[in-house]
All heavy atoms as atom14 arrays in JSON, in Angstrom:
{
  "sequence": "LIRDELGYELYRAVSGLKAELSHAESAVLHFT",
  "atom14_mask": [
    [1, 1, 1, 1, 1, 1, 1, 1, 0, 0, 0, 0, 0, 0],
    [1, 1, 1, 1, 1, 1, 1, 1, 0, 0, 0, 0, 0, 0],
    [1, 1, 1, 1, 1, 1, 1, 1, 1, 1, 1, 0, 0, 0],
    [1, 1, 1, 1, 1, 1, 1, 1, 0, 0, 0, 0, 0, 0],
    [1, 1, 1, 1, 1, 1, 1, 1, 1, 0, 0, 0, 0, 0],
    [1, 1, 1, 1, 1, 1, 1, 1, 0, 0, 0, 0, 0, 0],
    [1, 1, 1, 1, 0, 0, 0, 0, 0, 0, 0, 0, 0, 0],
    [1, 1, 1, 1, 1, 1, 1, 1, 1, 1, 1, 1, 0, 0],
    [1, 1, 1, 1, 1, 1, 1, 1, 1, 0, 0, 0, 0, 0],
    [1, 1, 1, 1, 1, 1, 1, 1, 0, 0, 0, 0, 0, 0],
    [1, 1, 1, 1, 1, 1, 1, 1, 1, 1, 1, 1, 0, 0],
    [1, 1, 1, 1, 1, 1, 1, 1, 1, 1, 1, 0, 0, 0],
    [1, 1, 1, 1, 1, 0, 0, 0, 0, 0, 0, 0, 0, 0],
    [1, 1, 1, 1, 1, 1, 1, 0, 0, 0, 0, 0, 0, 0],
    [1, 1, 1, 1, 1, 1, 0, 0, 0, 0, 0, 0, 0, 0],
    [1, 1, 1, 1, 0, 0, 0, 0, 0, 0, 0, 0, 0, 0],
    [1, 1, 1, 1, 1, 1, 1, 1, 0, 0, 0, 0, 0, 0],
    [1, 1, 1, 1, 1, 1, 1, 1, 1, 0, 0, 0, 0, 0],
    [1, 1, 1, 1, 1, 0, 0, 0, 0, 0, 0, 0, 0, 0],
    [1, 1, 1, 1, 1, 1, 1, 1, 1, 0, 0, 0, 0, 0],
    [1, 1, 1, 1, 1, 1, 1, 1, 0, 0, 0, 0, 0, 0],
    [1, 1, 1, 1, 1, 1, 0, 0, 0, 0, 0, 0, 0, 0],
    [1, 1, 1, 1, 1, 1, 1, 1, 1, 1, 0, 0, 0, 0],
    [1, 1, 1, 1, 1, 0, 0, 0, 0, 0, 0, 0, 0, 0],
    [1, 1, 1, 1, 1, 1, 1, 1, 1, 0, 0, 0, 0, 0],
    [1, 1, 1, 1, 1, 1, 0, 0, 0, 0, 0, 0, 0, 0],
    [1, 1, 1, 1, 1, 0, 0, 0, 0, 0, 0, 0, 0, 0],
    [1, 1, 1, 1, 1, 1, 1, 0, 0, 0, 0, 0, 0, 0],
    [1, 1, 1, 1, 1, 1, 1, 1, 0, 0, 0, 0, 0, 0],
    [1, 1, 1, 1, 1, 1, 1, 1, 1, 1, 0, 0, 0, 0],
    [1, 1, 1, 1, 1, 1, 1, 1, 1, 1, 1, 0, 0, 0],
    [1, 1, 1, 1, 1, 1, 1, 0, 0, 0, 0, 0, 0, 0]
  ],
  "atom14_positions": [
    [[176.17, 162.38, 279.88], [176.48, 161.75, 281.18], [175.26, 161.76, 282.09], [175.01, 160.79, 282.81], [177.66, 162.46, 281.84], [179.01, 162.33, 281.16], [180.07, 163.12, 281.92], [179.43, 160.87, 281.05], [0.0, 0.0, 0.0], [0.0, 0.0, 0.0], [0.0, 0.0, 0.0], [0.0, 0.0, 0.0], [0.0, 0.0, 0.0], [0.0, 0.0, 0.0]],
    [[174.51, 162.87, 282.07], [173.31, 162.95, 282.91], [172.23, 162.02, 282.37], [171.62, 161.25, 283.12], [172.79, 164.4, 282.96], [173.81, 165.32, 283.62], [171.46, 164.47, 283.73], [173.5, 166.8, 283.45], [0.0, 0.0, 0.0], [0.0, 0.0, 0.0], [0.0, 0.0, 0.0], [0.0, 0.0, 0.0], [0.0, 0.0, 0.0], [0.0, 0.0, 0.0]],
    [[172.0, 162.09, 281.07], [170.92, 161.31, 280.45], [171.18, 159.8, 280.6], [170.26, 159.02, 280.83], [170.8, 161.67, 278.98], [169.63, 161.01, 278.26], [169.57, 161.44, 276.81], [169.25, 162.87, 276.67], [170.07, 163.77, 276.12], [171.26, 163.41, 275.67], [169.69, 165.03, 276.02], [0.0, 0.0, 0.0], [0.0, 0.0, 0.0], [0.0, 0.0, 0.0]],
    [[172.44, 159.4, 280.49], [172.78, 157.98, 280.56], [173.03, 157.49, 281.98], [173.52, 156.37, 282.17], [174.01, 157.7, 279.69], [173.73, 157.86, 278.2], [172.57, 158.12, 277.86], [174.67, 157.75, 277.4], [0.0, 0.0, 0.0], [0.0, 0.0, 0.0], [0.0, 0.0, 0.0], [0.0, 0.0, 0.0], [0.0, 0.0, 0.0], [0.0, 0.0, 0.0]],
    [[172.7, 158.32, 282.98], [172.8, 157.92, 284.4], [174.19, 157.38, 284.74], [174.35, 156.3, 285.29], [171.74, 156.85, 284.72], [170.33, 157.39, 284.84], [170.03, 157.95, 286.21], [170.95, 158.03, 287.05], [168.88, 158.31, 286.45], [0.0, 0.0, 0.0], [0.0, 0.0, 0.0], [0.0, 0.0, 0.0], [0.0, 0.0, 0.0], [0.0, 0.0, 0.0]],
    [[175.22, 158.19, 284.43], [176.59, 157.74, 284.67], [177.12, 158.17, 286.03], [178.33, 158.09, 286.28], [177.5, 158.26, 283.56], [177.7, 157.34, 282.36], [178.43, 156.07, 282.75], [176.38, 157.01, 281.68], [0.0, 0.0, 0.0], [0.0, 0.0, 0.0], [0.0, 0.0, 0.0], [0.0, 0.0, 0.0], [0.0, 0.0, 0.0], [0.0, 0.0, 0.0]],
    [[176.23, 158.63, 286.91], [176.68, 159.1, 288.21], [177.42, 158.06, 289.02], [178.44, 158.34, 289.65], [0.0, 0.0, 0.0], [0.0, 0.0, 0.0], [0.0, 0.0, 0.0], [0.0, 0.0, 0.0], [0.0, 0.0, 0.0], [0.0, 0.0, 0.0], [0.0, 0.0, 0.0], [0.0, 0.0, 0.0], [0.0, 0.0, 0.0], [0.0, 0.0, 0.0]],
    [[176.93, 156.82, 289.01], [177.56, 155.8, 289.84], [178.95, 155.44, 289.32], [179.89, 155.29, 290.11], [176.68, 154.55, 289.91], [177.3, 153.48, 290.79], [177.37, 153.67, 292.17], [177.84, 152.32, 290.25], [177.96, 152.73, 292.99], [178.43, 151.37, 291.06], [178.49, 151.58, 292.43], [179.08, 150.64, 293.24], [0.0, 0.0, 0.0], [0.0, 0.0, 0.0]],
    [[179.1, 155.31, 287.99], [180.42, 155.0, 287.45], [181.42, 156.11, 287.77], [182.57, 155.86, 288.11], [180.34, 154.79, 285.93], [179.78, 153.44, 285.53], [178.28, 153.43, 285.48], [177.65, 154.38, 286.0], [177.71, 152.47, 284.94], [0.0, 0.0, 0.0], [0.0, 0.0, 0.0], [0.0, 0.0, 0.0], [0.0, 0.0, 0.0], [0.0, 0.0, 0.0]],
    [[180.96, 157.36, 287.65], [181.84, 158.47, 287.99], [182.17, 158.46, 289.47], [183.33, 158.7, 289.87], [181.18, 159.79, 287.59], [181.99, 161.07, 287.83], [183.29, 161.03, 287.05], [181.17, 162.3, 287.45], [0.0, 0.0, 0.0], [0.0, 0.0, 0.0], [0.0, 0.0, 0.0], [0.0, 0.0, 0.0], [0.0, 0.0, 0.0], [0.0, 0.0, 0.0]],
    [[181.18, 158.18, 290.3], [181.39, 158.09, 291.74], [182.46, 157.05, 292.07], [183.37, 157.3, 292.88], [180.07, 157.73, 292.42], [180.19, 157.21, 293.83], [180.35, 158.08, 294.9], [180.16, 155.84, 294.09], [180.48, 157.6, 296.2], [180.28, 155.37, 295.38], [180.44, 156.25, 296.42], [180.58, 155.76, 297.7], [0.0, 0.0, 0.0], [0.0, 0.0, 0.0]],
    [[182.38, 155.88, 291.45], [183.37, 154.84, 291.71], [184.78, 155.27, 291.3], [185.75, 155.02, 292.02], [183.0, 153.55, 290.98], [181.81, 152.82, 291.58], [181.75, 151.38, 291.12], [181.65, 151.27, 289.67], [181.61, 150.13, 289.02], [181.68, 148.99, 289.68], [181.49, 150.11, 287.69], [0.0, 0.0, 0.0], [0.0, 0.0, 0.0], [0.0, 0.0, 0.0]],
    [[184.88, 155.93, 290.16], [186.19, 156.37, 289.69], [186.79, 157.42, 290.63], [187.97, 157.34, 290.99], [186.07, 156.92, 288.27], [0.0, 0.0, 0.0], [0.0, 0.0, 0.0], [0.0, 0.0, 0.0], [0.0, 0.0, 0.0], [0.0, 0.0, 0.0], [0.0, 0.0, 0.0], [0.0, 0.0, 0.0], [0.0, 0.0, 0.0], [0.0, 0.0, 0.0]],
    [[185.98, 158.38, 291.04], [186.46, 159.45, 291.91], [186.8, 158.91, 293.3], [187.85, 159.25, 293.88], [185.42, 160.58, 291.99], [185.77, 161.58, 293.09], [185.31, 161.29, 290.65], [0.0, 0.0, 0.0], [0.0, 0.0, 0.0], [0.0, 0.0, 0.0], [0.0, 0.0, 0.0], [0.0, 0.0, 0.0], [0.0, 0.0, 0.0], [0.0, 0.0, 0.0]],
    [[185.94, 158.06, 293.85], [186.21, 157.49, 295.17], [187.46, 156.61, 295.15], [188.23, 156.59, 296.11], [185.01, 156.67, 295.64], [183.9, 157.51, 295.86], [0.0, 0.0, 0.0], [0.0, 0.0, 0.0], [0.0, 0.0, 0.0], [0.0, 0.0, 0.0], [0.0, 0.0, 0.0], [0.0, 0.0, 0.0], [0.0, 0.0, 0.0], [0.0, 0.0, 0.0]],
    [[187.66, 155.89, 294.04], [188.87, 155.09, 293.91], [190.12, 155.94, 293.89], [191.14, 155.61, 294.51], [0.0, 0.0, 0.0], [0.0, 0.0, 0.0], [0.0, 0.0, 0.0], [0.0, 0.0, 0.0], [0.0, 0.0, 0.0], [0.0, 0.0, 0.0], [0.0, 0.0, 0.0], [0.0, 0.0, 0.0], [0.0, 0.0, 0.0], [0.0, 0.0, 0.0]],
    [[190.06, 157.07, 293.18], [191.2, 157.99, 293.16], [191.48, 158.53, 294.55], [192.63, 158.56, 295.0], [190.87, 159.15, 292.21], [191.88, 160.3, 292.21], [193.12, 159.93, 291.44], [191.26, 161.57, 291.63], [0.0, 0.0, 0.0], [0.0, 0.0, 0.0], [0.0, 0.0, 0.0], [0.0, 0.0, 0.0], [0.0, 0.0, 0.0], [0.0, 0.0, 0.0]],
    [[190.43, 158.94, 295.25], [190.59, 159.49, 296.6], [191.23, 158.46, 297.53], [192.12, 158.79, 298.33], [189.23, 159.93, 297.14], [189.26, 160.59, 298.5], [187.87, 161.06, 298.9], [186.92, 159.89, 299.09], [185.58, 160.32, 299.54], [0.0, 0.0, 0.0], [0.0, 0.0, 0.0], [0.0, 0.0, 0.0], [0.0, 0.0, 0.0], [0.0, 0.0, 0.0]],
    [[190.8, 157.21, 297.44], [191.37, 156.16, 298.27], [192.84, 155.95, 297.96], [193.67, 155.77, 298.87], [190.59, 154.86, 298.08], [0.0, 0.0, 0.0], [0.0, 0.0, 0.0], [0.0, 0.0, 0.0], [0.0, 0.0, 0.0], [0.0, 0.0, 0.0], [0.0, 0.0, 0.0], [0.0, 0.0, 0.0], [0.0, 0.0, 0.0], [0.0, 0.0, 0.0]],
    [[193.2, 155.97, 296.68], [194.62, 155.79, 296.3], [195.47, 156.92, 296.85], [196.62, 156.7, 297.27], [194.75, 155.72, 294.78], [194.35, 154.38, 294.17], [194.79, 154.28, 292.72], [196.02, 154.42, 292.47], [193.92, 154.09, 291.86], [0.0, 0.0, 0.0], [0.0, 0.0, 0.0], [0.0, 0.0, 0.0], [0.0, 0.0, 0.0], [0.0, 0.0, 0.0]],
    [[194.94, 158.14, 296.85], [195.71, 159.27, 297.34], [195.93, 159.23, 298.85], [196.72, 160.01, 299.37], [195.02, 160.58, 296.94], [195.04, 160.92, 295.45], [194.22, 162.18, 295.18], [196.47, 161.11, 294.96], [0.0, 0.0, 0.0], [0.0, 0.0, 0.0], [0.0, 0.0, 0.0], [0.0, 0.0, 0.0], [0.0, 0.0, 0.0], [0.0, 0.0, 0.0]],
    [[195.24, 158.32, 299.53], [195.46, 158.17, 300.97], [196.78, 157.45, 301.26], [197.3, 157.55, 302.37], [194.3, 157.41, 301.62], [193.14, 158.2, 301.62], [0.0, 0.0, 0.0], [0.0, 0.0, 0.0], [0.0, 0.0, 0.0], [0.0, 0.0, 0.0], [0.0, 0.0, 0.0], [0.0, 0.0, 0.0], [0.0, 0.0, 0.0], [0.0, 0.0, 0.0]],
    [[197.32, 156.74, 300.26], [198.59, 156.04, 300.49], [199.6, 156.25, 299.37], [200.68, 155.64, 299.38], [198.33, 154.54, 300.69], [197.59, 153.88, 299.56], [198.18, 153.56, 298.37], [196.29, 153.52, 299.45], [197.29, 153.01, 297.57], [196.13, 152.97, 298.19], [0.0, 0.0, 0.0], [0.0, 0.0, 0.0], [0.0, 0.0, 0.0], [0.0, 0.0, 0.0]],
    [[199.29, 157.1, 298.39], [200.22, 157.37, 297.3], [200.31, 158.88, 297.06], [199.37, 159.61, 297.36], [199.76, 156.67, 296.02], [0.0, 0.0, 0.0], [0.0, 0.0, 0.0], [0.0, 0.0, 0.0], [0.0, 0.0, 0.0], [0.0, 0.0, 0.0], [0.0, 0.0, 0.0], [0.0, 0.0, 0.0], [0.0, 0.0, 0.0], [0.0, 0.0, 0.0]],
    [[201.43, 159.32, 296.53], [201.62, 160.74, 296.29], [200.86, 161.22, 295.05], [200.64, 162.42, 294.88], [203.11, 161.06, 296.12], [203.9, 160.91, 297.42], [203.39, 161.81, 298.52], [203.07, 162.99, 298.24], [203.3, 161.35, 299.67], [0.0, 0.0, 0.0], [0.0, 0.0, 0.0], [0.0, 0.0, 0.0], [0.0, 0.0, 0.0], [0.0, 0.0, 0.0]],
    [[200.46, 160.3, 294.18], [199.66, 160.66, 293.01], [198.86, 159.44, 292.56], [199.2, 158.3, 292.91], [200.54, 161.18, 291.86], [201.38, 160.15, 291.37], [0.0, 0.0, 0.0], [0.0, 0.0, 0.0], [0.0, 0.0, 0.0], [0.0, 0.0, 0.0], [0.0, 0.0, 0.0], [0.0, 0.0, 0.0], [0.0, 0.0, 0.0], [0.0, 0.0, 0.0]],
    [[197.82, 159.68, 291.81], [196.98, 158.6, 291.29], [196.32, 159.1, 290.01], [196.28, 160.31, 289.73], [195.92, 158.19, 292.31], [0.0, 0.0, 0.0], [0.0, 0.0, 0.0], [0.0, 0.0, 0.0], [0.0, 0.0, 0.0], [0.0, 0.0, 0.0], [0.0, 0.0, 0.0], [0.0, 0.0, 0.0], [0.0, 0.0, 0.0], [0.0, 0.0, 0.0]],
    [[195.81, 158.16, 289.22], [195.23, 158.51, 287.93], [193.72, 158.33, 287.98], [193.23, 157.28, 288.4], [195.82, 157.64, 286.8], [195.17, 157.99, 285.46], [197.33, 157.83, 286.73], [0.0, 0.0, 0.0], [0.0, 0.0, 0.0], [0.0, 0.0, 0.0], [0.0, 0.0, 0.0], [0.0, 0.0, 0.0], [0.0, 0.0, 0.0], [0.0, 0.0, 0.0]],
    [[193.0, 159.37, 287.54], [191.55, 159.27, 287.41], [191.24, 158.74, 286.01], [191.55, 159.4, 285.01], [190.89, 160.64, 287.61], [189.36, 160.66, 287.42], [188.68, 159.79, 288.46], [188.81, 162.09, 287.49], [0.0, 0.0, 0.0], [0.0, 0.0, 0.0], [0.0, 0.0, 0.0], [0.0, 0.0, 0.0], [0.0, 0.0, 0.0], [0.0, 0.0, 0.0]],
    [[190.64, 157.55, 285.95], [190.21, 156.95, 284.69], [188.7, 156.99, 284.62], [188.01, 156.51, 285.52], [190.64, 155.47, 284.62], [192.11, 155.26, 284.45], [192.75, 155.31, 283.23], [193.07, 154.99, 285.36], [194.04, 155.08, 283.4], [194.26, 154.89, 284.68], [0.0, 0.0, 0.0], [0.0, 0.0, 0.0], [0.0, 0.0, 0.0], [0.0, 0.0, 0.0]],
    [[188.17, 157.56, 283.55], [186.73, 157.53, 283.34], [186.46, 157.68, 281.86], [186.97, 158.6, 281.21], [186.02, 158.66, 284.11], [184.53, 158.66, 283.94], [183.75, 157.76, 284.65], [183.92, 159.53, 283.04], [182.37, 157.74, 284.47], [182.54, 159.53, 282.88], [181.77, 158.62, 283.59], [0.0, 0.0, 0.0], [0.0, 0.0, 0.0], [0.0, 0.0, 0.0]],
    [[185.64, 156.77, 281.31], [185.34, 156.79, 279.88], [183.88, 156.48, 279.65], [183.33, 155.56, 280.28], [186.19, 155.75, 279.12], [187.58, 156.02, 279.35], [185.91, 155.81, 277.63], [0.0, 0.0, 0.0], [0.0, 0.0, 0.0], [0.0, 0.0, 0.0], [0.0, 0.0, 0.0], [0.0, 0.0, 0.0], [0.0, 0.0, 0.0], [0.0, 0.0, 0.0]]
  ]
}
């Protein structure tokens, strides 16, 4: 993950989860 510079993709997935939790009781973190 470090070598392949996957920080931005992980950032998008985590930020998307956080945003969903602002209006939902649960959300799914997807990252592959």
